[in-house]
PDB file of all heavy atoms in Angstrom:
ATOM      1  N   SER A   1      -5.511   4.570  -2.735  1.00  0.00           N
ATOM      2  CA  SER A   1      -4.349   5.019  -3.506  1.00  0.00           C
ATOM      3  C   SER A   1      -4.721   5.225  -4.966  1.00  0.00           C
ATOM      4  O   SER A   1      -4.306   6.210  -5.596  1.00  0.00           O
ATOM      5  CB  SER A   1      -3.213   3.983  -3.406  1.00  0.00           C
ATOM      6  OG  SER A   1      -2.721   3.895  -2.089  1.00  0.00           O
ATOM      7  N   GLU A   2      -5.507   4.310  -5.502  1.00  0.00           N
ATOM      8  CA  GLU A   2      -5.953   4.417  -6.895  1.00  0.00           C
ATOM      9  C   GLU A   2      -6.781   5.681  -7.105  1.00  0.00           C
ATOM     10  O   GLU A   2      -6.600   6.417  -8.084  1.00  0.00           O
ATOM     11  CB  GLU A   2      -6.770   3.182  -7.256  1.00  0.00           C
ATOM     12  CG  GLU A   2      -7.312   3.193  -8.680  1.00  0.00           C
ATOM     13  CD  GLU A   2      -8.245   2.027  -8.971  1.00  0.00           C
ATOM     14  OE1 GLU A   2      -8.487   1.211  -8.057  1.00  0.00           O
ATOM     15  OE2 GLU A   2      -8.748   1.941 -10.097  1.00  0.00           O
ATOM     16  N   ILE A   3      -7.706   5.944  -6.179  1.00  0.00           N
ATOM     17  CA  ILE A   3      -8.545   7.144  -6.276  1.00  0.00           C
ATOM     18  C   ILE A   3      -7.695   8.397  -6.227  1.00  0.00           C
ATOM     19  O   ILE A   3      -7.842   9.315  -7.043  1.00  0.00           O
ATOM     20  CB  ILE A   3      -9.591   7.161  -5.145  1.00  0.00           C
ATOM     21  CG1 ILE A   3     -10.632   6.056  -5.356  1.00  0.00           C
ATOM     22  CG2 ILE A   3     -10.300   8.523  -5.079  1.00  0.00           C
ATOM     23  CD1 ILE A   3     -11.583   5.873  -4.192  1.00  0.00           C
ATOM     24  N   LEU A   4      -6.768   8.450  -5.274  1.00  0.00           N
ATOM     25  CA  LEU A   4      -5.925   9.638  -5.121  1.00  0.00           C
ATOM     26  C   LEU A   4      -4.997   9.829  -6.310  1.00  0.00           C
ATOM     27  O   LEU A   4      -4.809  10.950  -6.786  1.00  0.00           O
ATOM     28  CB  LEU A   4      -5.114   9.543  -3.827  1.00  0.00           C
ATOM     29  CG  LEU A   4      -5.917   9.792  -2.552  1.00  0.00           C
ATOM     30  CD1 LEU A   4      -5.128   9.363  -1.326  1.00  0.00           C
ATOM     31  CD2 LEU A   4      -6.314  11.258  -2.438  1.00  0.00           C
ATOM     32  N   ASN A   5      -4.406   8.756  -6.793  1.00  0.00           N
ATOM     33  CA  ASN A   5      -3.535   8.868  -7.967  1.00  0.00           C
ATOM     34  C   ASN A   5      -4.311   9.409  -9.163  1.00  0.00           C
ATOM     35  O   ASN A   5      -3.810  10.240  -9.931  1.00  0.00           O
ATOM     36  CB  ASN A   5      -2.924   7.506  -8.318  1.00  0.00           C
ATOM     37  CG  ASN A   5      -1.817   7.102  -7.360  1.00  0.00           C
ATOM     38  OD1 ASN A   5      -1.210   7.947  -6.707  1.00  0.00           O
ATOM     39  ND2 ASN A   5      -1.551   5.812  -7.276  1.00  0.00           N
ATOM     40  N   THR A   6      -5.547   8.952  -9.304  1.00  0.00           N
ATOM     41  CA  THR A   6      -6.392   9.412 -10.415  1.00  0.00           C
ATOM     42  C   THR A   6      -6.775  10.877 -10.232  1.00  0.00           C
ATOM     43  O   THR A   6      -6.672  11.681 -11.176  1.00  0.00           O
ATOM     44  CB  THR A   6      -7.672   8.565 -10.496  1.00  0.00           C
ATOM     45  OG1 THR A   6      -7.319   7.196 -10.724  1.00  0.00           O
ATOM     46  CG2 THR A   6      -8.574   9.052 -11.625  1.00  0.00           C
ATOM     47  N   GLN A   7      -7.178  11.236  -9.025  1.00  0.00           N
ATOM     48  CA  GLN A   7      -7.644  12.600  -8.785  1.00  0.00           C
ATOM     49  C   GLN A   7      -6.508  13.619  -8.804  1.00  0.00           C
ATOM     50  O   GLN A   7      -6.717  14.779  -9.150  1.00  0.00           O
ATOM     51  CB  GLN A   7      -8.378  12.688  -7.434  1.00  0.00           C
ATOM     52  CG  GLN A   7      -9.499  11.683  -7.226  1.00  0.00           C
ATOM     53  CD  GLN A   7     -10.493  11.667  -8.369  1.00  0.00           C
ATOM     54  OE1 GLN A   7     -10.799  12.696  -8.951  1.00  0.00           O
ATOM     55  NE2 GLN A   7     -11.006  10.490  -8.708  1.00  0.00           N
ATOM     56  N   MET A   8      -5.296  13.180  -8.441  1.00  0.00           N
ATOM     57  CA  MET A   8      -4.160  14.104  -8.376  1.00  0.00           C
ATOM     58  C   MET A   8      -3.345  14.121  -9.666  1.00  0.00           C
ATOM     59  O   MET A   8      -2.355  14.838  -9.769  1.00  0.00           O
ATOM     60  CB  MET A   8      -3.240  13.722  -7.211  1.00  0.00           C
ATOM     61  CG  MET A   8      -3.916  13.715  -5.844  1.00  0.00           C
ATOM     62  SD  MET A   8      -4.699  15.263  -5.404  1.00  0.00           S
ATOM     63  CE  MET A   8      -3.280  16.332  -5.311  1.00  0.00           C
ATOM     64  N   TYR A   9      -3.770  13.335 -10.659  1.00  0.00           N
ATOM     65  CA  TYR A   9      -3.038  13.247 -11.928  1.00  0.00           C
ATOM     66  C   TYR A   9      -1.592  12.804 -11.728  1.00  0.00           C
ATOM     67  O   TYR A   9      -0.704  13.193 -12.488  1.00  0.00           O
ATOM     68  CB  TYR A   9      -3.042  14.599 -12.654  1.00  0.00           C
ATOM     69  CG  TYR A   9      -4.382  15.013 -13.215  1.00  0.00           C
ATOM     70  CD1 TYR A   9      -4.750  16.349 -13.225  1.00  0.00           C
ATOM     71  CD2 TYR A   9      -5.264  14.082 -13.738  1.00  0.00           C
ATOM     72  CE1 TYR A   9      -5.970  16.758 -13.750  1.00  0.00           C
ATOM     73  CE2 TYR A   9      -6.481  14.471 -14.257  1.00  0.00           C
ATOM     74  CZ  TYR A   9      -6.834  15.812 -14.262  1.00  0.00           C
ATOM     75  OH  TYR A   9      -8.033  16.202 -14.765  1.00  0.00           O
ATOM     76  N   GLN A  10      -1.323  12.040 -10.704  1.00  0.00           N
ATOM     77  CA  GLN A  10       0.037  11.592 -10.437  1.00  0.00           C
ATOM     78  C   GLN A  10      -0.006  10.155  -9.935  1.00  0.00           C
ATOM     79  O   GLN A  10      -0.976   9.739  -9.312  1.00  0.00           O
ATOM     80  CB  GLN A  10       0.711  12.459  -9.361  1.00  0.00           C
ATOM     81  CG  GLN A  10       0.796  13.934  -9.692  1.00  0.00           C
ATOM     82  CD  GLN A  10       1.416  14.709  -8.544  1.00  0.00           C
ATOM     83  OE1 GLN A  10       2.568  14.490  -8.184  1.00  0.00           O
ATOM     84  NE2 GLN A  10       0.648  15.624  -7.963  1.00  0.00           N
ATOM     85  N   ASN A  11       1.083   9.445 -10.189  1.00  0.00           N
ATOM     86  CA  ASN A  11       1.188   8.081  -9.671  1.00  0.00           C
ATOM     87  C   ASN A  11       2.134   8.117  -8.475  1.00  0.00           C
ATOM     88  O   ASN A  11       3.273   7.666  -8.534  1.00  0.00           O
ATOM     89  CB  ASN A  11       1.710   7.143 -10.759  1.00  0.00           C
ATOM     90  CG  ASN A  11       1.640   5.690 -10.332  1.00  0.00           C
ATOM     91  OD1 ASN A  11       0.834   5.323  -9.484  1.00  0.00           O
ATOM     92  ND2 ASN A  11       2.496   4.866 -10.898  1.00  0.00           N
ATOM     93  N   ILE A  12       1.647   8.703  -7.377  1.00  0.00           N
ATOM     94  CA  ILE A  12       2.521   8.966  -6.239  1.00  0.00           C
ATOM     95  C   ILE A  12       2.354   7.961  -5.107  1.00  0.00           C
ATOM     96  O   ILE A  12       3.190   7.904  -4.213  1.00  0.00           O
ATOM     97  CB  ILE A  12       2.275  10.390  -5.686  1.00  0.00           C
ATOM     98  CG1 ILE A  12       0.780  10.629  -5.480  1.00  0.00           C
ATOM     99  CG2 ILE A  12       2.863  11.429  -6.599  1.00  0.00           C
ATOM    100  CD1 ILE A  12       0.443  12.006  -4.996  1.00  0.00           C
ATOM    101  N   LEU A  13       1.299   7.189  -5.144  1.00  0.00           N
ATOM    102  CA  LEU A  13       1.067   6.199  -4.094  1.00  0.00           C
ATOM    103  C   LEU A  13       1.142   4.799  -4.698  1.00  0.00           C
ATOM    104  O   LEU A  13       0.351   4.447  -5.569  1.00  0.00           O
ATOM    105  CB  LEU A  13      -0.294   6.424  -3.444  1.00  0.00           C
ATOM    106  CG  LEU A  13      -0.411   7.710  -2.617  1.00  0.00           C
ATOM    107  CD1 LEU A  13      -1.875   7.992  -2.297  1.00  0.00           C
ATOM    108  CD2 LEU A  13       0.407   7.602  -1.337  1.00  0.00           C
ATOM    109  N   PRO A  14       2.091   3.996  -4.254  1.00  0.00           N
ATOM    110  CA  PRO A  14       2.275   2.662  -4.840  1.00  0.00           C
ATOM    111  C   PRO A  14       1.231   1.673  -4.346  1.00  0.00           C
ATOM    112  O   PRO A  14       0.675   1.814  -3.257  1.00  0.00           O
ATOM    113  CB  PRO A  14       3.668   2.268  -4.335  1.00  0.00           C
ATOM    114  CG  PRO A  14       3.765   2.951  -3.003  1.00  0.00           C
ATOM    115  CD  PRO A  14       3.053   4.270  -3.175  1.00  0.00           C
ATOM    116  N   ALA A  15       0.975   0.671  -5.167  1.00  0.00           N
ATOM    117  CA  ALA A  15       0.117  -0.431  -4.729  1.00  0.00           C
ATOM    118  C   ALA A  15       0.910  -1.278  -3.743  1.00  0.00           C
ATOM    119  O   ALA A  15       2.140  -1.358  -3.813  1.00  0.00           O
ATOM    120  CB  ALA A  15      -0.321  -1.265  -5.923  1.00  0.00           C
ATOM    121  N   VAL A  16       0.216  -1.887  -2.825  1.00  0.00           N
ATOM    122  CA  VAL A  16       0.877  -2.712  -1.815  1.00  0.00           C
ATOM    123  C   VAL A  16       0.105  -4.020  -1.684  1.00  0.00           C
ATOM    124  O   VAL A  16      -1.124  -4.030  -1.763  1.00  0.00           O
ATOM    125  CB  VAL A  16       0.953  -1.959  -0.465  1.00  0.00           C
ATOM    126  CG1 VAL A  16      -0.437  -1.618   0.048  1.00  0.00           C
ATOM    127  CG2 VAL A  16       1.736  -2.737   0.562  1.00  0.00           C
ATOM    128  N   SER A  17       0.825  -5.108  -1.517  1.00  0.00           N
ATOM    129  CA  SER A  17       0.179  -6.420  -1.486  1.00  0.00           C
ATOM    130  C   SER A  17       0.487  -7.155  -0.196  1.00  0.00           C
ATOM    131  O   SER A  17       1.583  -7.041   0.366  1.00  0.00           O
ATOM    132  CB  SER A  17       0.664  -7.283  -2.666  1.00  0.00           C
ATOM    133  OG  SER A  17       0.350  -6.667  -3.893  1.00  0.00           O
ATOM    134  N   ALA A  18      -0.482  -7.917   0.268  1.00  0.00           N
ATOM    135  CA  ALA A  18      -0.257  -8.780   1.430  1.00  0.00           C
ATOM    136  C   ALA A  18       0.731  -9.873   1.035  1.00  0.00           C
ATOM    137  O   ALA A  18       0.752 -10.332  -0.102  1.00  0.00           O
ATOM    138  CB  ALA A  18      -1.574  -9.393   1.882  1.00  0.00           C
ATOM    139  N   ASN A  19       1.547 -10.276   1.990  1.00  0.00           N
ATOM    140  CA  ASN A  19       2.586 -11.275   1.726  1.00  0.00           C
ATOM    141  C   ASN A  19       2.400 -12.445   2.676  1.00  0.00           C
ATOM    142  O   ASN A  19       2.568 -12.314   3.888  1.00  0.00           O
ATOM    143  CB  ASN A  19       3.966 -10.638   1.913  1.00  0.00           C
ATOM    144  CG  ASN A  19       5.093 -11.562   1.466  1.00  0.00           C
ATOM    145  OD1 ASN A  19       4.927 -12.784   1.420  1.00  0.00           O
ATOM    146  ND2 ASN A  19       6.241 -10.994   1.143  1.00  0.00           N
ATOM    147  N   ASP A  20       2.053 -13.603   2.113  1.00  0.00           N
ATOM    148  CA  ASP A  20       1.813 -14.790   2.930  1.00  0.00           C
ATOM    149  C   ASP A  20       3.067 -15.292   3.635  1.00  0.00           C
ATOM    150  O   ASP A  20       2.974 -16.068   4.587  1.00  0.00           O
ATOM    151  CB  ASP A  20       1.240 -15.925   2.072  1.00  0.00           C
ATOM    152  CG  ASP A  20      -0.233 -15.727   1.756  1.00  0.00           C
ATOM    153  OD1 ASP A  20      -0.871 -14.885   2.421  1.00  0.00           O
ATOM    154  OD2 ASP A  20      -0.752 -16.421   0.857  1.00  0.00           O
ATOM    155  N   SER A  21       4.230 -14.842   3.171  1.00  0.00           N
ATOM    156  CA  SER A  21       5.496 -15.284   3.770  1.00  0.00           C
ATOM    157  C   SER A  21       5.953 -14.370   4.899  1.00  0.00           C
ATOM    158  O   SER A  21       6.996 -14.619   5.509  1.00  0.00           O
ATOM    159  CB  SER A  21       6.594 -15.364   2.696  1.00  0.00           C
ATOM    160  OG  SER A  21       6.252 -16.306   1.700  1.00  0.00           O
ATOM    161  N   GLU A  22       5.195 -13.323   5.158  1.00  0.00           N
ATOM    162  CA  GLU A  22       5.505 -12.422   6.260  1.00  0.00           C
ATOM    163  C   GLU A  22       4.547 -12.673   7.423  1.00  0.00           C
ATOM    164  O   GLU A  22       3.445 -13.206   7.237  1.00  0.00           O
ATOM    165  CB  GLU A  22       5.384 -10.966   5.817  1.00  0.00           C
ATOM    166  CG  GLU A  22       6.447 -10.514   4.834  1.00  0.00           C
ATOM    167  CD  GLU A  22       6.300  -9.045   4.468  1.00  0.00           C
ATOM    168  OE1 GLU A  22       5.249  -8.452   4.762  1.00  0.00           O
ATOM    169  OE2 GLU A  22       7.249  -8.498   3.879  1.00  0.00           O
ATOM    170  N   SER A  23       4.952 -12.251   8.601  1.00  0.00           N
ATOM    171  CA  SER A  23       4.098 -12.427   9.774  1.00  0.00           C
ATOM    172  C   SER A  23       2.902 -11.482   9.710  1.00  0.00           C
ATOM    173  O   SER A  23       2.879 -10.534   8.914  1.00  0.00           O
ATOM    174  CB  SER A  23       4.893 -12.169  11.053  1.00  0.00           C
ATOM    175  OG  SER A  23       5.209 -10.782  11.166  1.00  0.00           O
ATOM    176  N   ILE A  24       1.933 -11.739  10.557  1.00  0.00           N
ATOM    177  CA  ILE A  24       0.770 -10.860  10.662  1.00  0.00           C
ATOM    178  C   ILE A  24       1.225  -9.444  10.994  1.00  0.00           C
ATOM    179  O   ILE A  24       0.779  -8.466  10.385  1.00  0.00           O
ATOM    180  CB  ILE A  24      -0.194 -11.385  11.749  1.00  0.00           C
ATOM    181  CG1 ILE A  24      -0.798 -12.730  11.322  1.00  0.00           C
ATOM    182  CG2 ILE A  24      -1.292 -10.371  12.045  1.00  0.00           C
ATOM    183  CD1 ILE A  24      -1.577 -13.434  12.417  1.00  0.00           C
ATOM    184  N   GLU A  25       2.127  -9.341  11.941  1.00  0.00           N
ATOM    185  CA  GLU A  25       2.629  -8.029  12.367  1.00  0.00           C
ATOM    186  C   GLU A  25       3.343  -7.311  11.222  1.00  0.00           C
ATOM    187  O   GLU A  25       3.128  -6.114  10.997  1.00  0.00           O
ATOM    188  CB  GLU A  25       3.574  -8.212  13.542  1.00  0.00           C
ATOM    189  CG  GLU A  25       4.126  -6.913  14.100  1.00  0.00           C
ATOM    190  CD  GLU A  25       5.114  -7.144  15.227  1.00  0.00           C
ATOM    191  OE1 GLU A  25       4.825  -7.995  16.108  1.00  0.00           O
ATOM    192  OE2 GLU A  25       6.169  -6.497  15.235  1.00  0.00           O
ATOM    193  N   GLN A  26       4.190  -8.015  10.490  1.00  0.00           N
ATOM    194  CA  GLN A  26       4.928  -7.397   9.380  1.00  0.00           C
ATOM    195  C   GLN A  26       3.983  -6.876   8.307  1.00  0.00           C
ATOM    196  O   GLN A  26       4.192  -5.786   7.761  1.00  0.00           O
ATOM    197  CB  GLN A  26       5.912  -8.412   8.779  1.00  0.00           C
ATOM    198  CG  GLN A  26       7.111  -8.699   9.659  1.00  0.00           C
ATOM    199  CD  GLN A  26       7.952  -9.846   9.118  1.00  0.00           C
ATOM    200  OE1 GLN A  26       7.437 -10.864   8.631  1.00  0.00           O
ATOM    201  NE2 GLN A  26       9.272  -9.691   9.181  1.00  0.00           N
ATOM    202  N   ASN A  27       2.961  -7.639   7.993  1.00  0.00           N
ATOM    203  CA  ASN A  27       1.986  -7.188   7.003  1.00  0.00           C
ATOM    204  C   ASN A  27       1.279  -5.923   7.474  1.00  0.00           C
ATOM    205  O   ASN A  27       1.072  -4.977   6.707  1.00  0.00           O
ATOM    206  CB  ASN A  27       0.959  -8.291   6.724  1.00  0.00           C
ATOM    207  CG  ASN A  27       1.416  -9.272   5.652  1.00  0.00           C
ATOM    208  OD1 ASN A  27       1.375  -8.979   4.463  1.00  0.00           O
ATOM    209  ND2 ASN A  27       1.868 -10.432   6.093  1.00  0.00           N
ATOM    210  N   CYS A  28       0.926  -5.894   8.745  1.00  0.00           N
ATOM    211  CA  CYS A  28       0.222  -4.723   9.286  1.00  0.00           C
ATOM    212  C   CYS A  28       1.122  -3.493   9.317  1.00  0.00           C
ATOM    213  O   CYS A  28       0.659  -2.375   9.074  1.00  0.00           O
ATOM    214  CB  CYS A  28      -0.311  -5.038  10.681  1.00  0.00           C
ATOM    215  SG  CYS A  28      -1.706  -6.197  10.669  1.00  0.00           S
ATOM    216  N   VAL A  29       2.400  -3.688   9.602  1.00  0.00           N
ATOM    217  CA  VAL A  29       3.352  -2.568   9.592  1.00  0.00           C
ATOM    218  C   VAL A  29       3.455  -1.980   8.191  1.00  0.00           C
ATOM    219  O   VAL A  29       3.462  -0.752   8.017  1.00  0.00           O
ATOM    220  CB  VAL A  29       4.740  -3.022  10.091  1.00  0.00           C
ATOM    221  CG1 VAL A  29       5.803  -1.964   9.789  1.00  0.00           C
ATOM    222  CG2 VAL A  29       4.704  -3.302  11.587  1.00  0.00           C
ATOM    223  N   ARG A  30       3.512  -2.836   7.178  1.00  0.00           N
ATOM    224  CA  ARG A  30       3.653  -2.351   5.795  1.00  0.00           C
ATOM    225  C   ARG A  30       2.417  -1.588   5.335  1.00  0.00           C
ATOM    226  O   ARG A  30       2.528  -0.521   4.720  1.00  0.00           O
ATOM    227  CB  ARG A  30       3.942  -3.514   4.843  1.00  0.00           C
ATOM    228  CG  ARG A  30       5.379  -3.995   4.899  1.00  0.00           C
ATOM    229  CD  ARG A  30       5.753  -4.857   3.719  1.00  0.00           C
ATOM    230  NE  ARG A  30       4.886  -5.997   3.548  1.00  0.00           N
ATOM    231  CZ  ARG A  30       3.983  -6.114   2.586  1.00  0.00           C
ATOM    232  NH1 ARG A  30       3.806  -5.144   1.700  1.00  0.00           N
ATOM    233  NH2 ARG A  30       3.231  -7.206   2.500  1.00  0.00           N
ATOM    234  N   VAL A  31       1.236  -2.121   5.612  1.00  0.00           N
ATOM    235  CA  VAL A  31       0.028  -1.427   5.150  1.00  0.00           C
ATOM    236  C   VAL A  31      -0.170  -0.142   5.951  1.00  0.00           C
ATOM    237  O   VAL A  31      -0.649   0.869   5.406  1.00  0.00           O
ATOM    238  CB  VAL A  31      -1.207  -2.354   5.236  1.00  0.00           C
ATOM    239  CG1 VAL A  31      -1.728  -2.485   6.656  1.00  0.00           C
ATOM    240  CG2 VAL A  31      -2.324  -1.853   4.322  1.00  0.00           C
ATOM    241  N   ARG A  32       0.238  -0.128   7.198  1.00  0.00           N
ATOM    242  CA  ARG A  32       0.146   1.088   8.010  1.00  0.00           C
ATOM    243  C   ARG A  32       1.048   2.182   7.434  1.00  0.00           C
ATOM    244  O   ARG A  32       0.690   3.360   7.445  1.00  0.00           O
ATOM    245  CB  ARG A  32       0.535   0.780   9.459  1.00  0.00           C
ATOM    246  CG  ARG A  32       0.394   1.973  10.390  1.00  0.00           C
ATOM    247  CD  ARG A  32       0.874   1.656  11.804  1.00  0.00           C
ATOM    248  NE  ARG A  32       0.825   2.848  12.631  1.00  0.00           N
ATOM    249  CZ  ARG A  32      -0.196   3.186  13.399  1.00  0.00           C
ATOM    250  NH1 ARG A  32      -1.250   2.401  13.472  1.00  0.00           N
ATOM    251  NH2 ARG A  32      -0.162   4.292  14.116  1.00  0.00           N
ATOM    252  N   HIS A  33       2.200   1.784   6.932  1.00  0.00           N
ATOM    253  CA  HIS A  33       3.135   2.753   6.344  1.00  0.00           C
ATOM    254  C   HIS A  33       2.503   3.451   5.138  1.00  0.00           C
ATOM    255  O   HIS A  33       2.605   4.677   4.995  1.00  0.00           O
ATOM    256  CB  HIS A  33       4.423   2.049   5.912  1.00  0.00           C
ATOM    257  CG  HIS A  33       5.394   2.936   5.201  1.00  0.00           C
ATOM    258  ND1 HIS A  33       6.075   3.963   5.831  1.00  0.00           N
ATOM    259  CD2 HIS A  33       5.789   2.974   3.890  1.00  0.00           C
ATOM    260  CE1 HIS A  33       6.841   4.585   4.964  1.00  0.00           C
ATOM    261  NE2 HIS A  33       6.684   4.011   3.781  1.00  0.00           N
ATOM    262  N   VAL A  34       1.835   2.692   4.271  1.00  0.00           N
ATOM    263  CA  VAL A  34       1.191   3.293   3.104  1.00  0.00           C
ATOM    264  C   VAL A  34       0.012   4.158   3.534  1.00  0.00           C
ATOM    265  O   VAL A  34      -0.229   5.234   2.967  1.00  0.00           O
ATOM    266  CB  VAL A  34       0.746   2.210   2.094  1.00  0.00           C
ATOM    267  CG1 VAL A  34       0.052   2.848   0.890  1.00  0.00           C
ATOM    268  CG2 VAL A  34       1.942   1.392   1.621  1.00  0.00           C
TER     269      VAL A  34
END
């Protein structure tokens, strides 16, 4: 996302963080979405 935002001159892809309070499945669903 950082590379693409830099190369496209836009901040169009948000950073995403793992969440210890979410299940393994929920974390994987979120990162898959990005």
